[in-house]
Amino acid sequence: MLDNAIYILKSSGEKVKFSFEKLRNSLKRTGAENEIIEYILHAVKDELYEGISTKEIYNRAFALLKKKKSYLASKYKLKKAIYELGPTGYPFERFVAAILKYSGYKTQVSKILQGKCVKHEIDIIGHKNNETTIIECKFHSEEGSNCNVKIPLYINSRYQDIKNQWSANNKDDGILAKGWVVTNTRFTADAIQYGNCCGLYLLSWDYPKNDGLKDRIDRLGLYPITVSTLLTNREKQFLLSREVVLCRDLIGDAFYLDHLGISQIRMKKILEEIKQICSS
């Protein structure tokens, strides 16, 4: 669509060539019709300039999508919505546990396990098919941050300490199958290389390819409550504090909206948006 390449500025400070194909694919992920996608692509094309930030492009595409269909804009803001689970990492841990639950795991959050040398507080323990998985979450609240090699190095040392004591203390929990590192951002090349070498399973926004967080969320329809474009930040934080992390949780526990003093008319609109997000 462009004769000359336009270079845009990412949140990390890196300059990259703008790709209409990437923007098209991100819009496709929302389930938007081709007519809407082409309309947005042409509108964005008219506003591009050298050095424009990815944030500006996102904001423009988001506003156009919201104008067309609100629930599509909610799905489009998924990555930003994951950051909004902060500022602490606890809601993110609950969110990851929910994804594991819908993948067939029984989960426990914030459990103490005895290692050979010391005790460790583990973010998530997952049980499935007589195997136990230890999952550690690394949440970043700022866009542009990456998960470097220090994180899997540290987590692997904790995992090995627990593994050395596992059979003595946890006979009823089956085999200790694997250690996981989950982040809402991206892993550096060194982090991936080390994780693969030492046997840790790494899960990030876009890794493993076609099975990262964004792929699992879309596949399972497990959108965080923070994707809503109708709830205020205060309302989202209230719901997160009550451990209402998933959109589908709010459908079953709509009485939480009563506690917020939301009018019946607005409540109906919020629940309609949530249902469309979950069912689309």
C-alpha atoms as a PDB file:
ATOM      1  CA  MET A   1       0.000   0.000   0.000  1.00  0.00           C
ATOM      2  CA  LEU A   2       3.035   2.286   0.296  1.00  0.00           C
ATOM      3  CA  ASP A   3       5.615   2.971  -2.405  1.00  0.00           C
ATOM      4  CA  ASN A   4       8.261   4.070   0.088  1.00  0.00           C
ATOM      5  CA  ALA A   5       9.075   2.386   3.384  1.00  0.00           C
ATOM      6  CA  ILE A   6       8.065   4.226   6.543  1.00  0.00           C
ATOM      7  CA  TYR A   7      10.053   3.587   9.716  1.00  0.00           C
ATOM      8  CA  ILE A   8       8.132   3.641  12.987  1.00  0.00           C
ATOM      9  CA  LEU A   9       9.274   3.843  16.609  1.00  0.00           C
ATOM     10  CA  LYS A  10       8.536   0.902  18.939  1.00  0.00           C
ATOM     11  CA  SER A  11       8.019   1.315  22.708  1.00  0.00           C
ATOM     12  CA  SER A  12      11.505  -0.180  23.243  1.00  0.00           C
ATOM     13  CA  GLY A  13      13.011   2.717  21.264  1.00  0.00           C
ATOM     14  CA  GLU A  14      13.840   0.512  18.261  1.00  0.00           C
ATOM     15  CA  LYS A  15      13.040   1.769  14.756  1.00  0.00           C
ATOM     16  CA  VAL A  16      11.449  -0.779  12.421  1.00  0.00           C
ATOM     17  CA  LYS A  17       9.841  -0.745   8.993  1.00  0.00           C
ATOM     18  CA  PHE A  18       6.076  -0.376   9.188  1.00  0.00           C
ATOM     19  CA  SER A  19       4.176  -3.452   7.990  1.00  0.00           C
ATOM     20  CA  PHE A  20       0.593  -3.248   6.777  1.00  0.00           C
ATOM     21  CA  GLU A  21       0.504  -7.032   6.906  1.00  0.00           C
ATOM     22  CA  LYS A  22       1.175  -7.051  10.660  1.00  0.00           C
ATOM     23  CA  LEU A  23      -1.525  -4.458  11.245  1.00  0.00           C
ATOM     24  CA  ARG A  24      -3.930  -6.417   9.039  1.00  0.00           C
ATOM     25  CA  ASN A  25      -3.223  -9.639  10.958  1.00  0.00           C
ATOM     26  CA  SER A  26      -3.727  -7.950  14.337  1.00  0.00           C
ATOM     27  CA  LEU A  27      -7.095  -6.654  13.146  1.00  0.00           C
ATOM     28  CA  LYS A  28      -8.019 -10.083  11.762  1.00  0.00           C
ATOM     29  CA  ARG A  29      -7.415 -11.622  15.186  1.00  0.00           C
ATOM     30  CA  THR A  30     -10.339  -9.607  16.547  1.00  0.00           C
ATOM     31  CA  GLY A  31     -12.729 -11.269  14.094  1.00  0.00           C
ATOM     32  CA  ALA A  32     -13.348  -8.012  12.208  1.00  0.00           C
ATOM     33  CA  GLU A  33     -14.830  -8.293   8.714  1.00  0.00           C
ATOM     34  CA  ASN A  34     -12.587  -7.516   5.713  1.00  0.00           C
ATOM     35  CA  GLU A  35     -14.565  -4.354   4.970  1.00  0.00           C
ATOM     36  CA  ILE A  36     -13.763  -2.937   8.426  1.00  0.00           C
ATOM     37  CA  ILE A  37     -10.124  -4.003   8.179  1.00  0.00           C
ATOM     38  CA  GLU A  38      -9.608  -2.322   4.811  1.00  0.00           C
ATOM     39  CA  TYR A  39     -11.337   0.834   6.053  1.00  0.00           C
ATOM     40  CA  ILE A  40      -8.939   1.062   9.020  1.00  0.00           C
ATOM     41  CA  LEU A  41      -5.849   0.277   6.917  1.00  0.00           C
ATOM     42  CA  HIS A  42      -6.641   3.103   4.497  1.00  0.00           C
ATOM     43  CA  ALA A  43      -7.353   5.534   7.341  1.00  0.00           C
ATOM     44  CA  VAL A  44      -4.039   4.671   9.041  1.00  0.00           C
ATOM     45  CA  LYS A  45      -2.186   4.962   5.710  1.00  0.00           C
ATOM     46  CA  ASP A  46      -3.311   8.586   5.365  1.00  0.00           C
ATOM     47  CA  GLU A  47      -1.873   9.467   8.793  1.00  0.00           C
ATOM     48  CA  LEU A  48       1.496   7.699   8.624  1.00  0.00           C
ATOM     49  CA  TYR A  49       4.708   9.721   8.814  1.00  0.00           C
ATOM     50  CA  GLU A  50       8.368   8.933   9.371  1.00  0.00           C
ATOM     51  CA  GLY A  51       9.085   8.176  13.049  1.00  0.00           C
ATOM     52  CA  ILE A  52       5.453   7.781  14.118  1.00  0.00           C
ATOM     53  CA  SER A  53       5.210   5.642  17.263  1.00  0.00           C
ATOM     54  CA  THR A  54       3.548   2.243  17.397  1.00  0.00           C
ATOM     55  CA  LYS A  55       1.420   3.689  20.214  1.00  0.00           C
ATOM     56  CA  GLU A  56       0.004   6.379  17.905  1.00  0.00           C
ATOM     57  CA  ILE A  57      -0.791   3.785  15.236  1.00  0.00           C
ATOM     58  CA  TYR A  58      -2.413   1.528  17.826  1.00  0.00           C
ATOM     59  CA  ASN A  59      -4.493   4.380  19.279  1.00  0.00           C
ATOM     60  CA  ARG A  60      -5.784   5.343  15.831  1.00  0.00           C
ATOM     61  CA  ALA A  61      -6.661   1.775  14.840  1.00  0.00           C
ATOM     62  CA  PHE A  62      -8.274   1.185  18.243  1.00  0.00           C
ATOM     63  CA  ALA A  63     -10.444   4.311  17.993  1.00  0.00           C
ATOM     64  CA  LEU A  64     -11.610   3.399  14.490  1.00  0.00           C
ATOM     65  CA  LEU A  65     -12.383  -0.172  15.528  1.00  0.00           C
ATOM     66  CA  LYS A  66     -14.267   0.992  18.634  1.00  0.00           C
ATOM     67  CA  LYS A  67     -16.358   3.306  16.481  1.00  0.00           C
ATOM     68  CA  LYS A  68     -17.353   0.345  14.296  1.00  0.00           C
ATOM     69  CA  LYS A  69     -17.819  -2.350  16.957  1.00  0.00           C
ATOM     70  CA  SER A  70     -16.909  -1.874  20.628  1.00  0.00           C
ATOM     71  CA  TYR A  71     -16.269  -5.552  21.421  1.00  0.00           C
ATOM     72  CA  LEU A  72     -13.788  -5.856  18.522  1.00  0.00           C
ATOM     73  CA  ALA A  73     -11.819  -2.940  19.992  1.00  0.00           C
ATOM     74  CA  SER A  74     -11.771  -4.809  23.316  1.00  0.00           C
ATOM     75  CA  LYS A  75     -10.139  -7.823  21.681  1.00  0.00           C
ATOM     76  CA  TYR A  76      -7.730  -5.566  19.791  1.00  0.00           C
ATOM     77  CA  LYS A  77      -6.422  -4.098  23.068  1.00  0.00           C
ATOM     78  CA  LEU A  78      -5.545  -7.538  24.491  1.00  0.00           C
ATOM     79  CA  LYS A  79      -1.819  -6.865  24.872  1.00  0.00           C
ATOM     80  CA  LYS A  80      -2.435  -3.544  26.615  1.00  0.00           C
ATOM     81  CA  ALA A  81      -5.090  -5.218  28.778  1.00  0.00           C
ATOM     82  CA  ILE A  82      -2.512  -7.711  30.061  1.00  0.00           C
ATOM     83  CA  TYR A  83      -0.328  -4.791  31.215  1.00  0.00           C
ATOM     84  CA  GLU A  84      -3.382  -3.363  32.974  1.00  0.00           C
ATOM     85  CA  LEU A  85      -3.462  -6.432  35.235  1.00  0.00           C
ATOM     86  CA  GLY A  86      -0.707  -4.680  37.216  1.00  0.00           C
ATOM     87  CA  PRO A  87       0.844  -2.884  38.952  1.00  0.00           C
ATOM     88  CA  THR A  88       1.461  -6.007  41.088  1.00  0.00           C
ATOM     89  CA  GLY A  89       1.980  -9.404  39.475  1.00  0.00           C
ATOM     90  CA  TYR A  90      -0.724 -11.151  41.506  1.00  0.00           C
ATOM     91  CA  PRO A  91      -3.667 -10.658  39.074  1.00  0.00           C
ATOM     92  CA  PHE A  92      -1.401 -11.888  36.254  1.00  0.00           C
ATOM     93  CA  GLU A  93      -0.678 -15.047  38.258  1.00  0.00           C
ATOM     94  CA  ARG A  94      -4.422 -15.583  38.725  1.00  0.00           C
ATOM     95  CA  PHE A  95      -4.917 -15.022  35.017  1.00  0.00           C
ATOM     96  CA  VAL A  96      -2.243 -17.578  34.049  1.00  0.00           C
ATOM     97  CA  ALA A  97      -3.745 -20.044  36.552  1.00  0.00           C
ATOM     98  CA  ALA A  98      -7.148 -19.582  34.865  1.00  0.00           C
ATOM     99  CA  ILE A  99      -5.655 -20.354  31.444  1.00  0.00           C
ATOM    100  CA  LEU A 100      -4.086 -23.534  32.868  1.00  0.00           C
ATOM    101  CA  LYS A 101      -7.378 -24.503  34.501  1.00  0.00           C
ATOM    102  CA  TYR A 102      -9.180 -24.353  31.155  1.00  0.00           C
ATOM    103  CA  SER A 103      -6.338 -26.434  29.678  1.00  0.00           C
ATOM    104  CA  GLY A 104      -7.085 -29.279  32.085  1.00  0.00           C
ATOM    105  CA  TYR A 105      -4.868 -28.428  35.059  1.00  0.00           C
ATOM    106  CA  LYS A 106      -5.823 -28.284  38.705  1.00  0.00           C
ATOM    107  CA  THR A 107      -4.027 -25.250  40.071  1.00  0.00           C
ATOM    108  CA  GLN A 108      -2.859 -23.743  43.363  1.00  0.00           C
ATOM    109  CA  VAL A 109      -1.594 -20.174  43.650  1.00  0.00           C
ATOM    110  CA  SER A 110       1.153 -18.872  45.980  1.00  0.00           C
ATOM    111  CA  LYS A 111       2.139 -22.132  47.635  1.00  0.00           C
ATOM    112  CA  ILE A 112       5.253 -22.758  49.745  1.00  0.00           C
ATOM    113  CA  LEU A 113       7.396 -25.739  48.704  1.00  0.00           C
ATOM    114  CA  GLN A 114      10.392 -27.111  50.573  1.00  0.00           C
ATOM    115  CA  GLY A 115      13.597 -27.372  48.595  1.00  0.00           C
ATOM    116  CA  LYS A 116      16.738 -29.214  49.596  1.00  0.00           C
ATOM    117  CA  CYS A 117      18.310 -25.981  50.846  1.00  0.00           C
ATOM    118  CA  VAL A 118      15.483 -23.496  51.495  1.00  0.00           C
ATOM    119  CA  LYS A 119      11.728 -22.995  51.199  1.00  0.00           C
ATOM    120  CA  HIS A 120      10.302 -21.372  48.063  1.00  0.00           C
ATOM    121  CA  GLU A 121       7.059 -19.500  47.451  1.00  0.00           C
ATOM    122  CA  ILE A 122       5.831 -20.714  44.066  1.00  0.00           C
ATOM    123  CA  ASP A 123       3.449 -18.602  41.965  1.00  0.00           C
ATOM    124  CA  ILE A 124       1.416 -21.495  40.537  1.00  0.00           C
ATOM    125  CA  ILE A 125       1.415 -25.261  41.036  1.00  0.00           C
ATOM    126  CA  GLY A 126      -0.276 -27.203  38.234  1.00  0.00           C
ATOM    127  CA  HIS A 127      -1.457 -30.837  38.493  1.00  0.00           C
ATOM    128  CA  LYS A 128      -2.406 -32.909  35.456  1.00  0.00           C
ATOM    129  CA  ASN A 129      -2.199 -36.634  34.602  1.00  0.00           C
ATOM    130  CA  ASN A 130      -0.353 -37.512  37.838  1.00  0.00           C
ATOM    131  CA  GLU A 131       2.296 -34.910  37.072  1.00  0.00           C
ATOM    132  CA  THR A 132       3.089 -31.626  38.805  1.00  0.00           C
ATOM    133  CA  THR A 133       4.348 -28.501  37.081  1.00  0.00           C
ATOM    134  CA  ILE A 134       5.905 -25.517  38.843  1.00  0.00           C
ATOM    135  CA  ILE A 135       5.046 -22.208  37.167  1.00  0.00           C
ATOM    136  CA  GLU A 136       6.785 -18.934  37.937  1.00  0.00           C
ATOM    137  CA  CYS A 137       5.359 -15.707  36.500  1.00  0.00           C
ATOM    138  CA  LYS A 138       7.350 -12.604  35.588  1.00  0.00           C
ATOM    139  CA  PHE A 139       5.056  -9.613  35.115  1.00  0.00           C
ATOM    140  CA  HIS A 140       6.264  -6.367  33.551  1.00  0.00           C
ATOM    141  CA  SER A 141       4.052  -3.296  33.972  1.00  0.00           C
ATOM    142  CA  GLU A 142       5.901  -1.223  31.356  1.00  0.00           C
ATOM    143  CA  GLU A 143       5.730  -1.838  27.628  1.00  0.00           C
ATOM    144  CA  GLY A 144       9.037  -2.380  25.872  1.00  0.00           C
ATOM    145  CA  SER A 145      10.582  -4.419  28.708  1.00  0.00           C
ATOM    146  CA  ASN A 146      11.906  -7.891  27.887  1.00  0.00           C
ATOM    147  CA  CYS A 147      12.518 -10.937  30.057  1.00  0.00           C
ATOM    148  CA  ASN A 148      16.288 -11.454  29.960  1.00  0.00           C
ATOM    149  CA  VAL A 149      18.388 -14.534  30.705  1.00  0.00           C
ATOM    150  CA  LYS A 150      18.688 -13.676  34.426  1.00  0.00           C
ATOM    151  CA  ILE A 151      15.045 -14.688  34.965  1.00  0.00           C
ATOM    152  CA  PRO A 152      15.237 -18.313  33.707  1.00  0.00           C
ATOM    153  CA  LEU A 153      18.658 -18.654  35.380  1.00  0.00           C
ATOM    154  CA  TYR A 154      17.163 -17.683  38.742  1.00  0.00           C
ATOM    155  CA  ILE A 155      14.002 -19.749  38.325  1.00  0.00           C
ATOM    156  CA  ASN A 156      15.909 -22.842  37.209  1.00  0.00           C
ATOM    157  CA  SER A 157      18.034 -22.709  40.375  1.00  0.00           C
ATOM    158  CA  ARG A 158      14.846 -22.649  42.492  1.00  0.00           C
ATOM    159  CA  TYR A 159      13.312 -25.451  40.436  1.00  0.00           C
ATOM    160  CA  GLN A 160      16.405 -27.650  40.865  1.00  0.00           C
ATOM    161  CA  ASP A 161      16.400 -27.060  44.643  1.00  0.00           C
ATOM    162  CA  ILE A 162      12.759 -28.198  44.860  1.00  0.00           C
ATOM    163  CA  LYS A 163      13.362 -31.120  42.500  1.00  0.00           C
ATOM    164  CA  ASN A 164      16.181 -32.419  44.711  1.00  0.00           C
ATOM    165  CA  GLN A 165      13.737 -32.674  47.625  1.00  0.00           C
ATOM    166  CA  TRP A 166      10.545 -33.537  45.708  1.00  0.00           C
ATOM    167  CA  SER A 167      10.298 -37.317  46.177  1.00  0.00           C
ATOM    168  CA  ALA A 168      10.868 -37.000  49.935  1.00  0.00           C
ATOM    169  CA  ASN A 169       8.101 -34.420  50.563  1.00  0.00           C
ATOM    170  CA  ASN A 170       5.520 -34.746  47.777  1.00  0.00           C
ATOM    171  CA  LYS A 171       4.883 -38.430  47.102  1.00  0.00           C
ATOM    172  CA  ASP A 172       1.139 -37.868  46.663  1.00  0.00           C
ATOM    173  CA  ASP A 173       1.562 -35.180  44.006  1.00  0.00           C
ATOM    174  CA  GLY A 174       3.005 -37.456  41.323  1.00  0.00           C
ATOM    175  CA  ILE A 175       6.086 -36.764  39.259  1.00  0.00           C
ATOM    176  CA  LEU A 176       7.599 -33.287  39.181  1.00  0.00           C
ATOM    177  CA  ALA A 177       7.403 -32.951  35.408  1.00  0.00           C
ATOM    178  CA  LYS A 178       8.702 -29.513  34.536  1.00  0.00           C
ATOM    179  CA  GLY A 179       9.409 -25.927  35.510  1.00  0.00           C
ATOM    180  CA  TRP A 180       7.771 -23.094  33.597  1.00  0.00           C
ATOM    181  CA  VAL A 181       8.564 -19.397  33.200  1.00  0.00           C
ATOM    182  CA  VAL A 182       5.623 -17.249  32.046  1.00  0.00           C
ATOM    183  CA  THR A 183       5.911 -13.563  31.147  1.00  0.00           C
ATOM    184  CA  ASN A 184       3.529 -11.000  29.664  1.00  0.00           C
ATOM    185  CA  THR A 185       6.316  -9.534  27.513  1.00  0.00           C
ATOM    186  CA  ARG A 186       8.939 -11.252  25.343  1.00  0.00           C
ATOM    187  CA  PHE A 187      12.020 -13.340  26.096  1.00  0.00           C
ATOM    188  CA  THR A 188      15.425 -12.265  24.815  1.00  0.00           C
ATOM    189  CA  ALA A 189      17.287 -14.684  22.517  1.00  0.00           C
ATOM    190  CA  ASP A 190      19.646 -15.648  25.384  1.00  0.00           C
ATOM    191  CA  ALA A 191      16.703 -16.373  27.696  1.00  0.00           C
ATOM    192  CA  ILE A 192      15.151 -18.692  25.098  1.00  0.00           C
ATOM    193  CA  GLN A 193      18.471 -20.404  24.417  1.00  0.00           C
ATOM    194  CA  TYR A 194      19.106 -20.996  28.134  1.00  0.00           C
ATOM    195  CA  GLY A 195      15.537 -22.132  28.828  1.00  0.00           C
ATOM    196  CA  ASN A 196      15.647 -24.671  26.012  1.00  0.00           C
ATOM    197  CA  CYS A 197      19.088 -25.890  27.084  1.00  0.00           C
ATOM    198  CA  CYS A 198      18.213 -26.456  30.759  1.00  0.00           C
ATOM    199  CA  GLY A 199      14.738 -27.871  30.089  1.00  0.00           C
ATOM    200  CA  LEU A 200      12.516 -25.037  31.315  1.00  0.00           C
ATOM    201  CA  TYR A 201       9.280 -24.426  29.426  1.00  0.00           C
ATOM    202  CA  LEU A 202       9.039 -20.781  28.362  1.00  0.00           C
ATOM    203  CA  LEU A 203       5.717 -19.053  27.658  1.00  0.00           C
ATOM    204  CA  SER A 204       5.529 -15.390  26.633  1.00  0.00           C
ATOM    205  CA  TRP A 205       3.251 -13.069  24.683  1.00  0.00           C
ATOM    206  CA  ASP A 206       4.344 -14.623  21.375  1.00  0.00           C
ATOM    207  CA  TYR A 207       6.463 -17.667  22.331  1.00  0.00           C
ATOM    208  CA  PRO A 208       6.315 -20.561  21.501  1.00  0.00           C
ATOM    209  CA  LYS A 209       5.321 -19.624  17.966  1.00  0.00           C
ATOM    210  CA  ASN A 210       1.562 -20.101  17.427  1.00  0.00           C
ATOM    211  CA  ASP A 211       1.169 -21.210  21.064  1.00  0.00           C
ATOM    212  CA  GLY A 212       2.108 -18.092  23.038  1.00  0.00           C
ATOM    213  CA  LEU A 213      -0.165 -16.311  25.509  1.00  0.00           C
ATOM    214  CA  LYS A 214      -2.014 -14.364  22.804  1.00  0.00           C
ATOM    215  CA  ASP A 215      -2.708 -17.589  20.869  1.00  0.00           C
ATOM    216  CA  ARG A 216      -3.967 -19.448  23.938  1.00  0.00           C
ATOM    217  CA  ILE A 217      -6.194 -16.565  25.008  1.00  0.00           C
ATOM    218  CA  ASP A 218      -7.797 -16.307  21.557  1.00  0.00           C
ATOM    219  CA  ARG A 219      -8.134 -20.084  21.240  1.00  0.00           C
ATOM    220  CA  LEU A 220      -9.775 -20.547  24.634  1.00  0.00           C
ATOM    221  CA  GLY A 221     -11.672 -17.240  24.680  1.00  0.00           C
ATOM    222  CA  LEU A 222     -10.149 -16.405  28.071  1.00  0.00           C
ATOM    223  CA  TYR A 223      -9.970 -12.623  27.916  1.00  0.00           C
ATOM    224  CA  PRO A 224      -8.972 -10.655  31.040  1.00  0.00           C
ATOM    225  CA  ILE A 225     -11.561  -8.279  32.481  1.00  0.00           C
ATOM    226  CA  THR A 226      -9.200  -5.419  31.614  1.00  0.00           C
ATOM    227  CA  VAL A 227     -10.036  -5.716  27.876  1.00  0.00           C
ATOM    228  CA  SER A 228     -13.415  -4.045  28.497  1.00  0.00           C
ATOM    229  CA  THR A 229     -13.744  -0.611  26.906  1.00  0.00           C
ATOM    230  CA  LEU A 230     -16.813   0.236  29.023  1.00  0.00           C
ATOM    231  CA  LEU A 231     -15.466  -0.422  32.528  1.00  0.00           C
ATOM    232  CA  THR A 232     -13.412   2.355  34.146  1.00  0.00           C
ATOM    233  CA  ASN A 233      -9.937   1.704  35.567  1.00  0.00           C
ATOM    234  CA  ARG A 234     -11.342   2.005  39.112  1.00  0.00           C
ATOM    235  CA  GLU A 235     -14.024  -0.578  38.334  1.00  0.00           C
ATOM    236  CA  LYS A 236     -11.482  -2.954  36.803  1.00  0.00           C
ATOM    237  CA  GLN A 237      -9.235  -2.689  39.868  1.00  0.00           C
ATOM    238  CA  PHE A 238     -12.226  -3.372  42.141  1.00  0.00           C
ATOM    239  CA  LEU A 239     -13.070  -6.531  40.185  1.00  0.00           C
ATOM    240  CA  LEU A 240      -9.451  -7.706  40.175  1.00  0.00           C
ATOM    241  CA  SER A 241      -9.282  -7.197  43.944  1.00  0.00           C
ATOM    242  CA  ARG A 242     -12.278  -9.582  44.184  1.00  0.00           C
ATOM    243  CA  GLU A 243     -10.397 -12.095  41.987  1.00  0.00           C
ATOM    244  CA  VAL A 244     -12.728 -11.539  39.038  1.00  0.00           C
ATOM    245  CA  VAL A 245      -9.960 -11.856  36.449  1.00  0.00           C
ATOM    246  CA  LEU A 246     -11.728 -13.268  33.370  1.00  0.00           C
ATOM    247  CA  CYS A 247     -14.545 -11.727  31.362  1.00  0.00           C
ATOM    248  CA  ARG A 248     -16.447 -14.990  31.585  1.00  0.00           C
ATOM    249  CA  ASP A 249     -16.213 -14.812  35.399  1.00  0.00           C
ATOM    250  CA  LEU A 250     -18.144 -11.543  35.341  1.00  0.00           C
ATOM    251  CA  ILE A 251     -20.977 -13.127  33.340  1.00  0.00           C
ATOM    252  CA  GLY A 252     -21.518 -15.583  36.190  1.00  0.00           C
ATOM    253  CA  ASP A 253     -20.925 -13.017  38.967  1.00  0.00           C
ATOM    254  CA  ALA A 254     -22.674  -9.897  37.650  1.00  0.00           C
ATOM    255  CA  PHE A 255     -23.685  -8.954  41.215  1.00  0.00           C
ATOM    256  CA  TYR A 256     -20.195  -7.440  41.573  1.00  0.00           C
ATOM    257  CA  LEU A 257     -21.399  -4.643  39.306  1.00  0.00           C
ATOM    258  CA  ASP A 258     -24.150  -3.882  41.845  1.00  0.00           C
ATOM    259  CA  HIS A 259     -21.464  -3.249  44.481  1.00  0.00           C
ATOM    260  CA  LEU A 260     -19.970  -0.640  42.167  1.00  0.00           C
ATOM    261  CA  GLY A 261     -23.267   1.256  41.978  1.00  0.00           C
ATOM    262  CA  ILE A 262     -23.508   0.815  38.209  1.00  0.00           C
ATOM    263  CA  SER A 263     -26.923   1.670  36.757  1.00  0.00           C
ATOM    264  CA  GLN A 264     -29.040  -1.080  35.205  1.00  0.00           C
ATOM    265  CA  ILE A 265     -28.785   0.497  31.746  1.00  0.00           C
ATOM    266  CA  ARG A 266     -24.980   0.714  31.876  1.00  0.00           C
ATOM    267  CA  MET A 267     -24.727  -2.744  33.459  1.00  0.00           C
ATOM    268  CA  LYS A 268     -26.685  -4.202  30.545  1.00  0.00           C
ATOM    269  CA  LYS A 269     -24.290  -2.598  28.038  1.00  0.00           C
ATOM    270  CA  ILE A 270     -21.223  -3.882  29.933  1.00  0.00           C
ATOM    271  CA  LEU A 271     -22.566  -7.441  30.109  1.00  0.00           C
ATOM    272  CA  GLU A 272     -23.526  -7.360  26.426  1.00  0.00           C
ATOM    273  CA  GLU A 273     -19.976  -6.304  25.549  1.00  0.00           C
ATOM    274  CA  ILE A 274     -18.488  -9.038  27.783  1.00  0.00           C
ATOM    275  CA  LYS A 275     -20.717 -11.720  26.255  1.00  0.00           C
ATOM    276  CA  GLN A 276     -19.770 -10.649  22.728  1.00  0.00           C
ATOM    277  CA  ILE A 277     -16.066 -10.774  23.634  1.00  0.00           C
ATOM    278  CA  CYS A 278     -16.391 -14.290  25.043  1.00  0.00           C
ATOM    279  CA  SER A 279     -18.584 -15.702  22.278  1.00  0.00           C
ATOM    280  CA  SER A 280     -17.023 -14.106  19.200  1.00  0.00           C
END
